[in-house]
Amino acid sequence: MTPPLFARYTPDIPGARGFWTTSTAPFDGAVEYTLKLLSPLRGESENKMREPKEIIHNGKTLLEWVEINKTQNANLQGADLWGADLQGADLQEADLQEANLQEANLWGANLQGANLWGANLQGANLWGARGIYVFGGIGNSNRTGYAWIENDIVIFGLGCHFGNTKETISAIREKYGTKSTYEAQIKLAEKIMLEKWGNAK
């Protein structure tokens, strides 16, 4: 029988992703979970993740690319990183443009300054990831939105749309008119990014 596990979620800031504190004994504010139920929230999965040493991109393993990124920006543009286990990886300022990160485990990864333009983040585990804000559901399709800072500018990824705040709001107004909840969510996301990560324009 799986022993009980007690967990409490603490957001970094209201409405943003935060972190889990876990213990095998009860503590203040904690909720009891089974390990099986909590594991997806902790960055684990019942399905085997793809190991970085097994993923090849442009002649190098993903593990090598993560190591390269410590001294220079890793070129992972267009890489197929579906289901990759990148928990805690330092991908700061890495080029992930149009990379497939679907179902990837990015728990606690550092994505500050990374180029995520056109990247597929559907189903990715971004709990505790730095440099990115996940929000939703938004619009008629109830989609998930992503915001990050690239070259000191807040960028939004909403389905097939990628653009800065001005471009994103303009696109929203064309479809939903002015003063929509959708627009309000974008402005809030921008505010959170500015307050959380700073130095953005």
Protein backbone atom coordinates (compact mmCIF):
# COMPACT_ATOMS: atom_id res chain seq x y z
CA MET A 1 0.00 0.00 0.00
CA THR A 2 1.32 3.46 -0.92
CA PRO A 3 1.96 5.51 2.23
CA PRO A 4 0.23 8.91 2.54
CA LEU A 5 2.09 12.02 1.57
CA PHE A 6 1.20 15.48 2.86
CA ALA A 7 1.67 18.48 0.59
CA ARG A 8 1.08 22.23 0.59
CA TYR A 9 1.27 24.43 -2.51
CA THR A 10 2.83 27.88 -2.08
CA PRO A 11 2.54 30.32 -5.02
CA ASP A 12 5.43 32.68 -5.69
CA ILE A 13 2.94 35.50 -6.31
CA PRO A 14 -0.87 35.52 -6.57
CA GLY A 15 -2.02 33.71 -9.70
CA ALA A 16 1.46 32.49 -10.63
CA ARG A 17 3.15 29.11 -10.48
CA GLY A 18 4.75 28.28 -7.18
CA PHE A 19 6.17 25.24 -5.42
CA TRP A 20 5.10 22.20 -3.40
CA THR A 21 6.29 21.40 0.11
CA THR A 22 5.90 17.71 0.98
CA SER A 23 6.30 15.55 4.06
CA THR A 24 5.37 12.06 5.23
CA ALA A 25 3.85 13.63 8.37
CA PRO A 26 0.98 16.15 8.61
CA PHE A 27 1.90 19.84 8.87
CA ASP A 28 0.11 23.20 8.88
CA GLY A 29 -1.95 23.85 5.75
CA ALA A 30 -1.06 20.53 4.14
CA VAL A 31 -3.44 18.25 2.25
CA GLU A 32 -2.99 14.47 2.22
CA TYR A 33 -2.19 12.91 -1.14
CA THR A 34 -1.09 9.51 -2.26
CA LEU A 35 2.29 9.53 -3.95
CA LYS A 36 0.64 8.39 -7.19
CA LEU A 37 -1.71 11.38 -7.23
CA LEU A 38 0.99 13.89 -6.33
CA SER A 39 3.72 12.59 -8.65
CA PRO A 40 2.60 14.46 -11.81
CA LEU A 41 2.66 17.71 -9.80
CA ARG A 42 6.20 17.00 -8.64
CA GLY A 43 7.52 16.57 -12.16
CA GLU A 44 7.27 12.80 -12.24
CA SER A 45 5.23 10.73 -14.65
CA GLU A 46 3.83 7.23 -14.92
CA ASN A 47 5.15 7.24 -18.50
CA LYS A 48 8.91 7.01 -18.93
CA MET A 49 10.41 10.37 -19.84
CA ARG A 50 12.99 10.69 -22.59
CA GLU A 51 16.44 11.04 -21.07
CA PRO A 52 18.58 13.98 -22.29
CA LYS A 53 21.47 11.63 -23.07
CA GLU A 54 19.21 9.70 -25.46
CA ILE A 55 17.96 12.72 -27.48
CA ILE A 56 20.11 13.79 -30.42
CA HIS A 57 19.92 17.24 -32.05
CA ASN A 58 22.41 18.50 -34.64
CA GLY A 59 24.92 15.79 -33.76
CA LYS A 60 24.88 16.35 -29.99
CA THR A 61 22.87 14.86 -27.18
CA LEU A 62 20.46 17.10 -25.29
CA LEU A 63 22.63 16.53 -22.23
CA GLU A 64 25.58 18.03 -24.14
CA TRP A 65 23.47 20.98 -25.27
CA VAL A 66 22.43 21.73 -21.68
CA GLU A 67 26.10 21.67 -20.69
CA ILE A 68 27.02 23.94 -23.63
CA ASN A 69 24.35 26.41 -22.48
CA LYS A 70 26.39 27.11 -19.35
CA THR A 71 28.92 29.07 -21.41
CA GLN A 72 27.08 29.95 -24.63
CA ASN A 73 23.51 29.95 -25.87
CA ALA A 74 22.49 26.43 -26.89
CA ASN A 75 21.05 26.16 -30.40
CA LEU A 76 18.00 23.95 -29.93
CA GLN A 77 15.96 25.62 -32.64
CA GLY A 78 13.43 23.17 -34.07
CA ALA A 79 14.61 20.35 -31.77
CA ASP A 80 12.24 17.46 -31.09
CA LEU A 81 12.20 17.47 -27.29
CA TRP A 82 8.84 15.77 -26.89
CA GLY A 83 8.65 14.13 -23.46
CA ALA A 84 12.21 15.18 -22.58
CA ASP A 85 13.16 15.09 -18.91
CA LEU A 86 14.56 18.59 -18.41
CA GLN A 87 13.75 18.92 -14.73
CA GLY A 88 15.90 21.67 -13.23
CA ALA A 89 17.80 22.23 -16.49
CA ASP A 90 19.53 25.58 -17.00
CA LEU A 91 18.19 26.75 -20.37
CA GLN A 92 18.68 30.45 -19.72
CA GLU A 93 18.85 32.31 -23.06
CA ALA A 94 18.83 29.04 -25.02
CA ASP A 95 17.41 29.16 -28.55
CA LEU A 96 14.28 27.00 -28.35
CA GLN A 97 12.53 28.63 -31.29
CA GLU A 98 9.98 26.23 -32.85
CA ALA A 99 11.21 23.41 -30.60
CA ASN A 100 8.74 20.65 -29.77
CA LEU A 101 8.50 20.66 -25.96
CA GLN A 102 5.15 18.88 -25.83
CA GLU A 103 4.82 16.81 -22.64
CA ALA A 104 8.39 17.75 -21.65
CA ASN A 105 9.24 17.88 -17.96
CA LEU A 106 10.51 21.42 -17.31
CA TRP A 107 9.86 21.31 -13.58
CA GLY A 108 12.11 23.96 -12.00
CA ALA A 109 13.95 24.65 -15.27
CA ASN A 110 15.51 28.06 -15.85
CA LEU A 111 13.96 29.55 -19.01
CA GLN A 112 14.90 33.18 -18.36
CA GLY A 113 15.68 34.92 -21.62
CA ALA A 114 15.14 31.76 -23.69
CA ASN A 115 13.76 32.16 -27.21
CA LEU A 116 10.46 30.26 -27.14
CA TRP A 117 9.02 31.80 -30.29
CA GLY A 118 6.90 29.18 -32.03
CA ALA A 119 7.73 26.48 -29.48
CA ASN A 120 5.12 23.81 -28.75
CA LEU A 121 4.59 23.79 -24.97
CA GLN A 122 1.36 21.81 -24.97
CA GLY A 123 1.19 19.54 -21.95
CA ALA A 124 4.66 20.54 -20.74
CA ASN A 125 5.22 20.45 -16.98
CA LEU A 126 6.26 24.01 -16.13
CA TRP A 127 5.73 23.90 -12.37
CA GLY A 128 8.36 26.08 -10.72
CA ALA A 129 10.01 26.96 -14.05
CA ARG A 130 11.74 30.34 -13.99
CA GLY A 131 11.25 33.02 -16.61
CA ILE A 132 7.86 31.88 -17.88
CA TYR A 133 4.26 32.50 -16.78
CA VAL A 134 1.43 30.12 -17.66
CA PHE A 135 -2.19 31.26 -17.55
CA GLY A 136 -5.65 30.35 -18.87
CA GLY A 137 -8.15 29.31 -19.97
CA ILE A 138 -8.63 32.21 -22.27
CA GLY A 139 -10.69 33.11 -25.32
CA ASN A 140 -13.51 31.10 -26.85
CA SER A 141 -11.24 28.07 -27.18
CA ASN A 142 -10.28 28.18 -23.47
CA ARG A 143 -6.60 27.88 -24.46
CA THR A 144 -3.54 28.08 -22.25
CA GLY A 145 -1.39 31.19 -22.62
CA TYR A 146 2.34 31.59 -22.07
CA ALA A 147 4.37 34.72 -21.36
CA TRP A 148 8.13 35.10 -21.19
CA ILE A 149 10.77 37.79 -21.58
CA GLU A 150 12.94 37.80 -24.67
CA ASN A 151 15.48 40.54 -25.42
CA ASP A 152 13.95 42.59 -22.57
CA ILE A 153 10.45 42.40 -24.11
CA VAL A 154 7.43 40.46 -22.80
CA ILE A 155 6.36 37.93 -25.44
CA PHE A 156 3.10 36.00 -25.52
CA GLY A 157 2.35 32.61 -27.03
CA LEU A 158 -1.38 31.99 -27.52
CA GLY A 159 -2.07 29.04 -29.79
CA CYS A 160 -0.54 29.96 -33.16
CA HIS A 161 -0.11 33.63 -32.14
CA PHE A 162 3.24 34.90 -30.93
CA GLY A 163 3.89 38.58 -30.29
CA ASN A 164 4.67 41.33 -27.80
CA THR A 165 2.02 42.94 -25.59
CA LYS A 166 0.99 45.56 -28.15
CA GLU A 167 0.72 43.03 -30.98
CA THR A 168 -1.16 40.56 -28.79
CA ILE A 169 -3.71 43.09 -27.55
CA SER A 170 -4.22 44.33 -31.11
CA ALA A 171 -4.98 40.77 -32.27
CA ILE A 172 -7.37 40.26 -29.34
CA ARG A 173 -9.26 43.49 -30.04
CA GLU A 174 -9.77 42.49 -33.66
CA LYS A 175 -11.61 39.37 -32.52
CA TYR A 176 -13.10 40.28 -29.13
CA GLY A 177 -13.36 44.07 -29.19
CA THR A 178 -12.03 46.42 -26.54
CA LYS A 179 -12.06 45.84 -22.77
CA SER A 180 -12.49 42.06 -23.03
CA THR A 181 -11.55 39.70 -20.22
CA TYR A 182 -9.02 38.21 -22.63
CA GLU A 183 -7.24 41.58 -22.90
CA ALA A 184 -7.35 42.00 -19.12
CA GLN A 185 -5.62 38.63 -18.70
CA ILE A 186 -2.83 39.70 -21.06
CA LYS A 187 -2.28 42.95 -19.15
CA LEU A 188 -2.21 41.04 -15.85
CA ALA A 189 0.26 38.52 -17.26
CA GLU A 190 2.51 41.35 -18.44
CA LYS A 191 2.34 42.96 -14.98
CA ILE A 192 3.28 39.67 -13.32
CA MET A 193 6.24 39.18 -15.66
CA LEU A 194 7.48 42.72 -15.03
CA GLU A 195 7.16 42.38 -11.27
CA LYS A 196 8.57 38.87 -11.14
CA TRP A 197 11.44 38.97 -13.62
CA GLY A 198 12.10 42.71 -14.09
CA ASN A 199 14.11 44.61 -16.71
CA ALA A 200 11.44 43.96 -19.35
CA LYS A 201 9.99 46.60 -21.63
